[in-house]
Amino acid sequence: MFIKRPVTVFTLIAFLLLFAGAVPAQQQPPVAVIERLHPDLDAVIDSGANVSVIADGFGWVEGPLWVEQEKMLLFSDVLKNRIYKWTAEQGLHVYLEPSGYTGTLLRGKELGSNGLAVNPQGKLVICQHGDRRIALMQAALADPQPVFITAAGGYKNKKFNSPNDLAVKSNGDIYFTDPPYGLEQGPEDPARELSYQGVYRIAKNGKVTLLADSLTRPNGIAFFPGEKQLLIANSDPEKPHWYIYDLDRQGMLVNGRIFFNGTAIFQKEHRTPDGIKINKNGVVFAPGPGGVWIFNRKGRALGRIKTSLITSNCAFSGDYRTLFITADHCVLKVTLK
């Protein structure tokens, strides 16, 4: 039986909004949930923290970098050869194009930029897959231009594979990984000149030093606070581990060992370790199988930002209270403690 009720203005507005789809009938499922594996996670992130999407529609996003002086997040779209800029006030814009390949011959696959950093002189440092080098953008951060100089393009007269990720030491030394992902045919590409995947250092004077050639797929790289230890992710299904190294007085890598063995988690969720960021307390945030893993400094898994999206890398805001995550075709944001 239909009961006639007086229609108020507010009732009519609510009905129109619901009919137009502005008021969804049910909540959308969360993009990610926080998985607690150890009580110490409670000091890092709330179990009910909301993970939201701040940008979407990309090819494959990587290399996020928060630039505090400009209050902006930069990140690479490796497939589209662009760096994007996101700010809370203005949203999303193309920041730099081209970003990783400046050649004229048509080529595909992962040709754009990947890892990004800012050196002590305030220059943007770029891992350029397509150009197979570590480059510096010559323009100011606030006025980007695709004008680059090569910090290093090879080792012993052989071109790098495709520099992937980097960590800049406080003295200006650049530590970076060089897997084959930017080569069009991967490890079998006829243009490949080095027979291994290396970890290198570019010193302030421009000298390139090979630090390690034993890792099968070196990828993410980050210093622990104090810069006396370095963490490297190995993106190899056969050895899906995170490795830790001590640095000697010359800045060379010594005493390499497994920080966390990812074999068991890889068997459940097939995604290998990727980028790494470490906060001021030594807590490690490591994209890998099933989301972003969170480890304490001793390599104990505290928890995970669990998502069905394929996470590639992450970056902290200037106060370490926000974590930005590059994940497949979108960028996520979550509040930390």
Protein backbone atom coordinates (compact mmCIF):
# COMPACT_ATOMS: atom_id res chain seq x y z
CA MET A 1 0.00 0.00 0.00
CA PHE A 2 1.36 3.39 -0.96
CA ILE A 3 1.27 5.98 1.85
CA LYS A 4 1.39 9.55 0.69
CA ARG A 5 3.95 11.62 2.68
CA PRO A 6 4.72 15.33 2.42
CA VAL A 7 7.77 15.92 0.21
CA THR A 8 10.31 18.31 1.72
CA VAL A 9 13.10 20.04 -0.16
CA PHE A 10 15.69 17.90 1.63
CA THR A 11 13.83 14.69 0.74
CA LEU A 12 13.69 15.72 -2.90
CA ILE A 13 17.42 16.59 -3.02
CA ALA A 14 18.36 13.26 -1.40
CA PHE A 15 16.19 11.38 -3.88
CA LEU A 16 17.72 13.19 -6.87
CA LEU A 17 21.27 12.58 -5.65
CA LEU A 18 20.58 8.89 -5.11
CA PHE A 19 18.94 8.60 -8.54
CA ALA A 20 21.95 10.34 -10.14
CA GLY A 21 24.37 7.99 -8.45
CA ALA A 22 25.98 10.68 -6.30
CA VAL A 23 25.07 8.72 -3.15
CA PRO A 24 26.30 5.15 -3.70
CA ALA A 25 24.11 2.36 -2.40
CA GLN A 26 27.11 0.69 -0.79
CA GLN A 27 30.71 1.48 0.02
CA GLN A 28 33.40 0.59 -2.49
CA PRO A 29 35.76 -2.12 -1.25
CA PRO A 30 39.05 -0.77 0.15
CA VAL A 31 42.03 -0.54 -2.19
CA ALA A 32 44.19 -2.10 0.53
CA VAL A 33 44.02 -3.32 4.11
CA ILE A 34 46.61 -3.35 6.86
CA GLU A 35 47.76 -6.85 7.78
CA ARG A 36 49.29 -7.03 11.29
CA LEU A 37 51.92 -9.73 11.80
CA HIS A 38 53.60 -8.37 14.94
CA PRO A 39 52.46 -6.02 17.74
CA ASP A 40 55.28 -3.57 16.90
CA LEU A 41 53.37 -2.64 13.75
CA ASP A 42 51.05 -0.58 15.97
CA ALA A 43 53.80 2.02 16.42
CA VAL A 44 54.13 2.37 12.63
CA ILE A 45 50.61 2.40 11.19
CA ASP A 46 47.02 2.05 12.43
CA SER A 47 45.38 -1.27 11.63
CA GLY A 48 42.42 0.63 10.20
CA ALA A 49 44.44 3.15 8.18
CA ASN A 50 42.74 4.20 4.96
CA VAL A 51 44.63 3.61 1.73
CA SER A 52 43.33 5.87 -1.03
CA VAL A 53 44.01 6.36 -4.75
CA ILE A 54 45.29 9.85 -5.58
CA ALA A 55 46.03 9.33 -9.29
CA ASP A 56 45.13 6.70 -11.87
CA GLY A 57 45.26 5.81 -15.56
CA PHE A 58 48.98 5.23 -16.14
CA GLY A 59 50.92 2.54 -17.98
CA TRP A 60 53.28 1.39 -15.21
CA VAL A 61 54.29 3.76 -12.43
CA GLU A 62 57.59 3.68 -10.57
CA GLY A 63 60.23 5.72 -8.76
CA PRO A 64 58.15 7.99 -6.48
CA LEU A 65 59.97 10.93 -4.94
CA TRP A 66 58.65 13.53 -2.52
CA VAL A 67 60.27 16.94 -3.03
CA GLU A 68 59.73 18.79 0.22
CA GLN A 69 60.74 22.27 -0.97
CA GLU A 70 58.08 22.16 -3.68
CA LYS A 71 55.55 20.08 -1.68
CA MET A 72 55.19 17.80 -4.67
CA LEU A 73 55.30 14.11 -5.46
CA LEU A 74 57.15 13.09 -8.62
CA PHE A 75 56.87 9.63 -10.17
CA SER A 76 57.75 7.91 -13.44
CA ASP A 77 55.45 6.29 -15.98
CA VAL A 78 58.04 3.92 -17.39
CA LEU A 79 55.94 2.88 -20.38
CA LYS A 80 54.93 6.40 -21.42
CA ASN A 81 58.36 8.02 -21.00
CA ARG A 82 57.07 10.70 -18.62
CA ILE A 83 57.50 12.00 -15.11
CA TYR A 84 54.31 13.22 -13.46
CA LYS A 85 53.85 15.73 -10.66
CA TRP A 86 51.13 15.55 -8.01
CA THR A 87 50.33 18.15 -5.36
CA ALA A 88 47.49 18.26 -2.85
CA GLU A 89 46.46 21.70 -4.13
CA GLN A 90 46.62 21.22 -7.91
CA GLY A 91 46.39 17.48 -8.43
CA LEU A 92 48.14 15.81 -11.36
CA HIS A 93 50.25 17.31 -14.16
CA VAL A 94 52.88 16.09 -16.61
CA TYR A 95 56.19 17.24 -15.14
CA LEU A 96 58.79 16.10 -17.68
CA GLU A 97 58.63 14.50 -21.14
CA PRO A 98 60.65 12.72 -22.38
CA SER A 99 62.03 11.43 -19.11
CA GLY A 100 64.06 8.31 -19.86
CA TYR A 101 64.56 7.94 -23.61
CA THR A 102 65.71 10.85 -25.74
CA GLY A 103 66.61 8.91 -28.89
CA THR A 104 64.86 9.17 -32.26
CA LEU A 105 64.49 5.49 -33.15
CA LEU A 106 61.12 4.00 -32.27
CA ARG A 107 61.34 1.54 -29.42
CA GLY A 108 59.02 0.09 -26.83
CA LYS A 109 58.83 -1.67 -23.51
CA GLU A 110 60.18 0.10 -20.39
CA LEU A 111 61.88 3.02 -22.10
CA GLY A 112 61.11 5.84 -19.66
CA SER A 113 62.60 6.96 -16.39
CA ASN A 114 62.45 4.81 -13.27
CA GLY A 115 64.10 5.74 -9.96
CA LEU A 116 64.31 9.43 -9.02
CA ALA A 117 66.26 11.34 -6.38
CA VAL A 118 67.49 14.83 -5.57
CA ASN A 119 71.22 15.30 -4.97
CA PRO A 120 72.75 17.69 -2.39
CA GLN A 121 72.99 20.40 -5.09
CA GLY A 122 69.23 20.26 -5.64
CA LYS A 123 69.41 18.57 -9.05
CA LEU A 124 66.97 15.85 -10.09
CA VAL A 125 68.83 12.56 -10.58
CA ILE A 126 67.13 10.13 -12.96
CA CYS A 127 67.54 6.44 -13.76
CA GLN A 128 66.91 6.49 -17.52
CA HIS A 129 65.96 3.08 -18.88
CA GLY A 130 65.89 3.99 -22.55
CA ASP A 131 69.11 6.00 -22.57
CA ARG A 132 70.73 3.42 -20.23
CA ARG A 133 72.32 5.98 -17.95
CA ILE A 134 72.12 7.95 -14.74
CA ALA A 135 71.33 11.52 -15.76
CA LEU A 136 70.91 14.90 -14.11
CA MET A 137 68.17 17.28 -15.20
CA GLN A 138 69.86 20.61 -15.88
CA ALA A 139 66.80 22.74 -15.16
CA ALA A 140 65.56 23.85 -11.75
CA LEU A 141 63.09 21.58 -9.93
CA ALA A 142 60.43 24.29 -10.12
CA ASP A 143 60.92 24.78 -13.88
CA PRO A 144 61.55 21.32 -15.39
CA GLN A 145 63.01 20.97 -18.88
CA PRO A 146 64.10 17.78 -20.72
CA VAL A 147 67.74 18.84 -20.79
CA PHE A 148 70.11 16.29 -19.27
CA ILE A 149 73.75 15.64 -18.63
CA THR A 150 75.13 12.15 -18.10
CA ALA A 151 76.38 11.37 -14.61
CA ALA A 152 77.38 7.87 -15.80
CA GLY A 153 76.48 5.84 -18.86
CA GLY A 154 78.58 2.73 -18.51
CA TYR A 155 81.39 0.84 -16.85
CA LYS A 156 84.78 0.08 -18.44
CA ASN A 157 83.59 1.30 -21.85
CA LYS A 158 80.47 -0.89 -21.79
CA LYS A 159 76.97 0.59 -21.57
CA PHE A 160 74.84 -0.14 -18.56
CA ASN A 161 71.86 -2.46 -18.95
CA SER A 162 69.15 -0.07 -17.71
CA PRO A 163 69.70 1.75 -14.39
CA ASN A 164 66.64 1.03 -12.27
CA ASP A 165 66.75 2.49 -8.77
CA LEU A 166 69.11 4.66 -6.78
CA ALA A 167 70.01 6.04 -3.38
CA VAL A 168 71.99 9.25 -2.97
CA LYS A 169 74.32 9.41 0.02
CA SER A 170 74.56 12.64 2.00
CA ASN A 171 78.03 13.30 0.53
CA GLY A 172 76.59 13.15 -3.01
CA ASP A 173 77.69 9.63 -3.97
CA ILE A 174 75.04 7.85 -6.05
CA TYR A 175 74.46 4.14 -5.44
CA PHE A 176 72.30 2.41 -8.06
CA THR A 177 71.17 -0.94 -9.46
CA ASP A 178 71.37 -2.04 -13.09
CA PRO A 179 69.05 -4.95 -14.02
CA PRO A 180 68.00 -5.60 -17.67
CA TYR A 181 64.33 -4.54 -17.46
CA GLY A 182 64.73 -1.53 -19.73
CA LEU A 183 66.21 -3.56 -22.60
CA GLU A 184 63.57 -4.37 -25.19
CA GLN A 185 64.44 -8.08 -25.21
CA GLY A 186 65.51 -8.27 -21.58
CA PRO A 187 68.66 -10.26 -20.75
CA GLU A 188 68.80 -11.65 -24.31
CA ASP A 189 68.80 -8.26 -26.00
CA PRO A 190 71.61 -8.11 -28.60
CA ALA A 191 72.35 -4.53 -27.51
CA ARG A 192 73.32 -5.72 -24.04
CA GLU A 193 77.03 -5.19 -23.32
CA LEU A 194 77.50 -6.31 -19.71
CA SER A 195 77.17 -9.99 -18.80
CA TYR A 196 75.90 -9.34 -15.26
CA GLN A 197 73.46 -7.15 -13.35
CA GLY A 198 75.53 -4.81 -11.23
CA VAL A 199 75.30 -2.50 -8.25
CA TYR A 200 77.43 0.63 -8.73
CA ARG A 201 78.55 3.84 -7.10
CA ILE A 202 79.14 7.16 -8.84
CA ALA A 203 81.51 9.21 -6.68
CA LYS A 204 81.44 13.00 -6.49
CA ASN A 205 84.35 13.13 -8.94
CA GLY A 206 82.38 11.06 -11.48
CA LYS A 207 84.28 7.81 -10.99
CA VAL A 208 82.12 4.70 -11.42
CA THR A 209 82.86 1.73 -9.16
CA LEU A 210 81.32 -1.73 -9.43
CA LEU A 211 80.20 -2.69 -5.92
CA ALA A 212 78.55 -6.06 -6.59
CA ASP A 213 77.99 -8.31 -9.57
CA SER A 214 76.63 -11.41 -7.80
CA LEU A 215 72.97 -10.41 -7.43
CA THR A 216 70.81 -11.93 -10.14
CA ARG A 217 68.25 -9.08 -10.36
CA PRO A 218 69.23 -6.11 -8.16
CA ASN A 219 66.37 -3.64 -7.96
CA GLY A 220 65.34 -1.43 -5.02
CA ILE A 221 68.11 0.15 -2.96
CA ALA A 222 68.12 2.27 0.20
CA PHE A 223 70.39 3.34 3.04
CA PHE A 224 69.58 2.72 6.68
CA PRO A 225 69.83 5.80 8.94
CA GLY A 226 73.49 6.61 9.50
CA GLU A 227 74.42 5.36 6.00
CA LYS A 228 76.52 2.50 7.37
CA GLN A 229 74.26 -0.20 5.94
CA LEU A 230 72.55 -0.61 2.57
CA LEU A 231 69.52 -2.71 1.66
CA ILE A 232 69.01 -4.13 -1.85
CA ALA A 233 65.97 -5.96 -3.23
CA ASN A 234 66.56 -8.88 -5.58
CA SER A 235 63.71 -9.28 -8.08
CA ASP A 236 64.43 -12.89 -9.00
CA PRO A 237 61.75 -15.60 -8.56
CA GLU A 238 64.55 -18.06 -7.77
CA LYS A 239 66.04 -15.79 -5.09
CA PRO A 240 63.29 -13.36 -4.01
CA HIS A 241 65.29 -11.92 -1.13
CA TRP A 242 66.21 -8.60 0.40
CA TYR A 243 69.98 -8.35 1.04
CA ILE A 244 71.77 -6.16 3.56
CA TYR A 245 75.36 -4.95 3.25
CA ASP A 246 77.70 -3.06 5.55
CA LEU A 247 79.66 -0.15 4.12
CA ASP A 248 83.37 0.09 4.87
CA ARG A 249 85.27 3.38 5.27
CA GLN A 250 85.68 3.68 1.50
CA GLY A 251 81.94 3.24 0.93
CA MET A 252 82.35 -0.26 -0.51
CA LEU A 253 79.88 -3.06 0.22
CA VAL A 254 81.04 -5.77 2.63
CA ASN A 255 79.51 -8.58 4.66
CA GLY A 256 76.53 -9.15 2.37
CA ARG A 257 73.78 -11.37 3.77
CA ILE A 258 70.06 -12.06 3.50
CA PHE A 259 67.97 -9.51 5.39
CA PHE A 260 64.68 -11.30 4.67
CA ASN A 261 64.15 -14.52 2.74
CA GLY A 262 61.09 -14.06 0.54
CA THR A 263 60.85 -17.62 -0.77
CA ALA A 264 57.86 -18.63 1.37
CA ILE A 265 55.80 -15.53 0.59
CA PHE A 266 56.69 -15.72 -3.11
CA GLN A 267 55.26 -19.23 -3.28
CA LYS A 268 51.92 -17.85 -2.09
CA GLU A 269 51.84 -14.58 -4.03
CA HIS A 270 53.95 -14.35 -7.16
CA ARG A 271 55.51 -10.93 -7.01
CA THR A 272 59.19 -10.39 -6.30
CA PRO A 273 60.85 -7.66 -4.16
CA ASP A 274 60.97 -4.26 -5.85
CA GLY A 275 61.59 -0.74 -4.54
CA ILE A 276 62.58 0.09 -0.96
CA LYS A 277 62.28 3.04 1.39
CA ILE A 278 63.52 3.22 5.00
CA ASN A 279 62.25 5.75 7.53
CA LYS A 280 64.27 7.68 10.10
CA ASN A 281 63.74 4.93 12.69
CA GLY A 282 65.08 2.20 10.42
CA VAL A 283 61.68 0.71 9.59
CA VAL A 284 61.72 -0.76 6.08
CA PHE A 285 58.83 -0.37 3.62
CA ALA A 286 59.34 -2.86 0.80
CA PRO A 287 56.91 -3.44 -2.08
CA GLY A 288 56.80 -7.13 -2.97
CA PRO A 289 54.41 -10.10 -2.89
CA GLY A 290 50.88 -8.98 -2.08
CA GLY A 291 51.63 -5.34 -1.30
CA VAL A 292 54.11 -3.33 0.75
CA TRP A 293 55.96 -5.32 3.43
CA ILE A 294 57.01 -3.57 6.63
CA PHE A 295 60.12 -4.86 8.42
CA ASN A 296 61.96 -3.72 11.51
CA ARG A 297 65.68 -3.01 11.32
CA LYS A 298 66.50 -6.63 12.20
CA GLY A 299 64.52 -8.02 9.28
CA ARG A 300 61.42 -9.12 11.16
CA ALA A 301 58.15 -8.77 9.26
CA LEU A 302 55.83 -6.49 11.25
CA GLY A 303 53.02 -6.40 8.73
CA ARG A 304 51.94 -5.52 5.26
CA ILE A 305 49.87 -3.00 3.38
CA LYS A 306 48.03 -5.74 1.55
CA THR A 307 46.58 -5.06 -1.88
CA SER A 308 45.74 -6.92 -5.07
CA LEU A 309 47.53 -4.19 -7.03
CA ILE A 310 51.13 -4.87 -8.06
CA THR A 311 53.18 -2.46 -5.96
CA SER A 312 56.49 -1.23 -7.37
CA ASN A 313 57.91 1.41 -5.03
CA CYS A 314 57.06 3.94 -2.33
CA ALA A 315 58.14 7.30 -0.88
CA PHE A 316 57.66 9.24 2.35
CA SER A 317 56.44 12.78 2.75
CA GLY A 318 58.86 15.21 4.36
CA ASP A 319 57.56 14.49 7.89
CA TYR A 320 57.40 10.71 7.30
CA ARG A 321 53.68 10.76 8.18
CA THR A 322 52.46 9.89 4.69
CA LEU A 323 53.51 6.99 2.48
CA PHE A 324 52.96 7.26 -1.28
CA ILE A 325 52.88 3.95 -3.17
CA THR A 326 53.23 3.40 -6.91
CA ALA A 327 51.09 0.41 -7.83
CA ASP A 328 50.61 -0.78 -11.40
CA HIS A 329 48.47 1.92 -13.06
CA CYS A 330 47.83 4.15 -10.05
CA VAL A 331 49.35 5.97 -7.06
CA LEU A 332 48.17 5.34 -3.50
CA LYS A 333 48.44 7.32 -0.27
CA VAL A 334 48.28 6.12 3.34
CA THR A 335 48.82 7.91 6.66
CA LEU A 336 51.51 6.60 9.00
CA LYS A 337 52.15 7.31 12.68
